[in-house]
N, C-alpha and C. Protein backbone atom coordinates (compact mmCIF):
# COMPACT_ATOMS: atom_id res chain seq x y z
N MET A 1 131.58 109.07 105.73
CA MET A 1 130.71 110.21 105.90
C MET A 1 130.07 110.62 104.57
N SER A 2 130.81 110.49 103.52
CA SER A 2 130.30 110.88 102.21
C SER A 2 129.16 109.97 101.77
N ASN A 3 129.27 108.67 102.05
CA ASN A 3 128.21 107.74 101.68
C ASN A 3 126.93 108.03 102.44
N TYR A 4 127.05 108.38 103.71
CA TYR A 4 125.87 108.69 104.50
C TYR A 4 125.16 109.92 103.96
N PHE A 5 125.90 110.94 103.58
CA PHE A 5 125.30 112.15 103.03
C PHE A 5 124.57 111.84 101.74
N THR A 6 125.14 111.04 100.89
CA THR A 6 124.52 110.68 99.62
C THR A 6 123.24 109.88 99.87
N TYR A 7 123.31 108.89 100.75
CA TYR A 7 122.13 108.09 101.06
C TYR A 7 121.04 108.95 101.66
N ASP A 8 121.37 109.84 102.57
CA ASP A 8 120.39 110.71 103.21
C ASP A 8 119.76 111.66 102.21
N THR A 9 120.56 112.20 101.31
CA THR A 9 120.05 113.10 100.28
C THR A 9 119.07 112.38 99.36
N ILE A 10 119.43 111.17 98.94
CA ILE A 10 118.55 110.39 98.07
C ILE A 10 117.25 110.06 98.80
N ARG A 11 117.34 109.70 100.07
CA ARG A 11 116.15 109.35 100.85
C ARG A 11 115.21 110.55 100.95
N VAL A 12 115.74 111.74 101.17
CA VAL A 12 114.91 112.94 101.27
C VAL A 12 114.26 113.26 99.93
N PHE A 13 115.01 113.15 98.84
CA PHE A 13 114.44 113.42 97.52
C PHE A 13 113.36 112.41 97.18
N ASN A 14 113.54 111.14 97.55
CA ASN A 14 112.51 110.14 97.31
C ASN A 14 111.26 110.43 98.12
N GLN A 15 111.41 110.93 99.33
CA GLN A 15 110.26 111.28 100.15
C GLN A 15 109.51 112.46 99.54
N ILE A 16 110.23 113.41 99.01
CA ILE A 16 109.60 114.57 98.37
C ILE A 16 108.85 114.12 97.11
N LYS A 17 109.46 113.24 96.32
CA LYS A 17 108.78 112.72 95.13
C LYS A 17 107.52 111.95 95.52
N ALA A 18 107.60 111.17 96.59
CA ALA A 18 106.43 110.43 97.06
C ALA A 18 105.33 111.38 97.52
N LEU A 19 105.72 112.46 98.17
CA LEU A 19 104.74 113.45 98.61
C LEU A 19 104.07 114.12 97.42
N TYR A 20 104.85 114.48 96.41
CA TYR A 20 104.28 115.06 95.19
C TYR A 20 103.32 114.08 94.52
N ALA A 21 103.69 112.82 94.46
CA ALA A 21 102.82 111.80 93.86
C ALA A 21 101.53 111.66 94.66
N LEU A 22 101.62 111.68 95.98
CA LEU A 22 100.44 111.57 96.82
C LEU A 22 99.51 112.77 96.64
N ILE A 23 100.07 113.95 96.61
CA ILE A 23 99.26 115.16 96.41
C ILE A 23 98.58 115.14 95.05
N THR A 24 99.31 114.74 94.01
CA THR A 24 98.73 114.65 92.67
C THR A 24 97.60 113.64 92.63
N LEU A 25 97.80 112.50 93.25
CA LEU A 25 96.77 111.46 93.28
C LEU A 25 95.53 111.95 94.01
N LEU A 26 95.71 112.61 95.14
CA LEU A 26 94.56 113.13 95.89
C LEU A 26 93.80 114.18 95.09
N ILE A 27 94.49 115.06 94.40
CA ILE A 27 93.83 116.09 93.59
C ILE A 27 93.03 115.44 92.47
N LEU A 28 93.63 114.47 91.78
CA LEU A 28 92.93 113.80 90.69
C LEU A 28 91.71 113.03 91.18
N GLN A 29 91.80 112.39 92.32
CA GLN A 29 90.66 111.68 92.88
C GLN A 29 89.53 112.63 93.26
N GLN A 30 89.89 113.78 93.81
CA GLN A 30 88.87 114.76 94.17
C GLN A 30 88.16 115.31 92.94
N ILE A 31 88.91 115.59 91.89
CA ILE A 31 88.31 116.07 90.64
C ILE A 31 87.39 115.00 90.07
N ASN A 32 87.85 113.76 90.07
CA ASN A 32 87.05 112.67 89.53
C ASN A 32 85.78 112.46 90.35
N GLY A 33 85.92 112.40 91.65
CA GLY A 33 84.78 112.10 92.50
C GLY A 33 83.78 113.23 92.64
N ASN A 34 84.24 114.47 92.56
CA ASN A 34 83.35 115.60 92.81
C ASN A 34 82.88 116.34 91.58
N ILE A 35 83.52 116.12 90.44
CA ILE A 35 83.14 116.85 89.23
C ILE A 35 82.74 115.90 88.11
N ILE A 36 83.62 114.99 87.75
CA ILE A 36 83.40 114.17 86.57
C ILE A 36 82.30 113.14 86.79
N VAL A 37 82.37 112.37 87.86
CA VAL A 37 81.39 111.30 88.10
C VAL A 37 79.97 111.84 88.23
N PRO A 38 79.70 112.89 89.02
CA PRO A 38 78.32 113.38 89.09
C PRO A 38 77.78 113.85 87.74
N LYS A 39 78.63 114.46 86.91
CA LYS A 39 78.16 114.90 85.60
C LYS A 39 77.82 113.71 84.72
N VAL A 40 78.67 112.70 84.70
CA VAL A 40 78.44 111.53 83.85
C VAL A 40 77.23 110.74 84.33
N VAL A 41 77.16 110.48 85.63
CA VAL A 41 76.04 109.72 86.18
C VAL A 41 74.74 110.51 86.02
N GLY A 42 74.78 111.80 86.30
CA GLY A 42 73.59 112.63 86.15
C GLY A 42 73.11 112.71 84.72
N LYS A 43 74.04 112.76 83.79
CA LYS A 43 73.68 112.83 82.37
C LYS A 43 73.01 111.53 81.93
N ASN A 44 73.55 110.40 82.36
CA ASN A 44 72.98 109.11 81.98
C ASN A 44 71.65 108.83 82.67
N ALA A 45 71.45 109.35 83.86
CA ALA A 45 70.21 109.12 84.60
C ALA A 45 69.25 110.31 84.48
N ASN A 46 69.60 111.29 83.67
CA ASN A 46 68.80 112.52 83.50
C ASN A 46 68.57 113.23 84.83
N LEU A 47 69.62 113.33 85.63
CA LEU A 47 69.57 114.02 86.91
C LEU A 47 70.62 115.13 86.92
N HIS A 48 70.31 116.20 87.60
CA HIS A 48 71.26 117.30 87.75
C HIS A 48 72.42 116.82 88.64
N PRO A 49 73.67 117.23 88.33
CA PRO A 49 74.82 116.78 89.13
C PRO A 49 74.69 117.12 90.62
N LEU A 50 74.09 118.27 90.94
CA LEU A 50 73.90 118.63 92.34
C LEU A 50 72.93 117.66 93.03
N LEU A 51 71.90 117.24 92.30
CA LEU A 51 70.96 116.26 92.84
C LEU A 51 71.65 114.92 93.07
N VAL A 52 72.56 114.55 92.19
CA VAL A 52 73.32 113.31 92.37
C VAL A 52 74.16 113.40 93.64
N MET A 53 74.88 114.51 93.82
CA MET A 53 75.72 114.68 95.02
C MET A 53 74.86 114.68 96.29
N LEU A 54 73.73 115.38 96.26
CA LEU A 54 72.87 115.43 97.44
C LEU A 54 72.27 114.06 97.76
N SER A 55 71.89 113.32 96.72
CA SER A 55 71.33 111.99 96.98
C SER A 55 72.40 111.05 97.53
N LEU A 56 73.63 111.14 97.01
CA LEU A 56 74.71 110.32 97.55
C LEU A 56 74.97 110.66 99.01
N PHE A 57 74.96 111.95 99.33
CA PHE A 57 75.19 112.36 100.72
C PHE A 57 74.05 111.90 101.63
N MET A 58 72.82 112.10 101.17
CA MET A 58 71.67 111.77 102.00
C MET A 58 71.56 110.26 102.23
N PHE A 59 71.59 109.49 101.15
CA PHE A 59 71.47 108.04 101.29
C PHE A 59 72.69 107.45 102.00
N GLY A 60 73.86 108.03 101.76
CA GLY A 60 75.05 107.56 102.45
C GLY A 60 75.00 107.80 103.95
N SER A 61 74.47 108.95 104.34
CA SER A 61 74.38 109.24 105.78
C SER A 61 73.28 108.41 106.44
N LEU A 62 72.24 108.08 105.70
CA LEU A 62 71.15 107.28 106.28
C LEU A 62 71.44 105.79 106.29
N PHE A 63 72.00 105.28 105.18
CA PHE A 63 72.12 103.83 105.02
C PHE A 63 73.55 103.34 104.81
N GLY A 64 74.53 104.23 104.87
CA GLY A 64 75.94 103.83 104.74
C GLY A 64 76.33 103.52 103.31
N ILE A 65 77.23 102.57 103.15
CA ILE A 65 77.76 102.23 101.82
C ILE A 65 76.67 101.72 100.90
N ILE A 66 75.79 100.87 101.41
CA ILE A 66 74.69 100.34 100.58
C ILE A 66 73.81 101.49 100.09
N GLY A 67 73.57 102.47 100.93
CA GLY A 67 72.79 103.63 100.52
C GLY A 67 73.46 104.41 99.42
N MET A 68 74.77 104.52 99.47
CA MET A 68 75.49 105.24 98.41
C MET A 68 75.46 104.46 97.10
N ILE A 69 75.44 103.14 97.19
CA ILE A 69 75.41 102.34 95.97
C ILE A 69 74.07 102.49 95.26
N VAL A 70 72.97 102.54 96.00
CA VAL A 70 71.64 102.60 95.38
C VAL A 70 71.07 104.02 95.32
N ALA A 71 71.82 105.02 95.74
CA ALA A 71 71.29 106.38 95.84
C ALA A 71 70.82 106.93 94.51
N VAL A 72 71.64 106.84 93.49
CA VAL A 72 71.28 107.42 92.19
C VAL A 72 70.11 106.65 91.58
N LEU A 73 70.10 105.35 91.72
CA LEU A 73 69.00 104.54 91.20
C LEU A 73 67.67 104.93 91.85
N ILE A 74 67.66 105.03 93.16
CA ILE A 74 66.42 105.38 93.86
C ILE A 74 66.00 106.81 93.53
N THR A 75 66.95 107.71 93.44
CA THR A 75 66.62 109.10 93.10
C THR A 75 66.05 109.19 91.68
N ALA A 76 66.61 108.44 90.75
CA ALA A 76 66.10 108.43 89.37
C ALA A 76 64.70 107.83 89.34
N LEU A 77 64.45 106.78 90.11
CA LEU A 77 63.11 106.20 90.17
C LEU A 77 62.09 107.17 90.77
N ILE A 78 62.49 107.86 91.83
CA ILE A 78 61.60 108.85 92.44
C ILE A 78 61.30 109.97 91.44
N LYS A 79 62.30 110.43 90.75
CA LYS A 79 62.08 111.50 89.77
C LYS A 79 61.18 111.02 88.64
N HIS A 80 61.36 109.79 88.21
CA HIS A 80 60.57 109.26 87.09
C HIS A 80 59.10 109.10 87.47
N PHE A 81 58.84 108.54 88.65
CA PHE A 81 57.47 108.24 89.02
C PHE A 81 56.72 109.40 89.68
N VAL A 82 57.45 110.29 90.35
CA VAL A 82 56.79 111.39 91.06
C VAL A 82 56.66 112.62 90.18
N VAL A 83 57.71 112.94 89.47
CA VAL A 83 57.71 114.19 88.67
C VAL A 83 57.19 113.97 87.30
């Protein structure tokens, strides 16, 4: 009975540690994807971070993954030639 309690306790603590690791990873990915990347990409392409996010959303909803890949490029070209 003692061995079962020890094994069960260790299993629960490992699950809690895994949950903490998952939550930390999700938070870091959200910060990276929603704050850091738009600022860096927008700075290099001379686009406002909000415009980068909107172009990713718009092109992604219209053309899927390929649209998201070319969204910033097309938006920068439109800004360069139109504005």
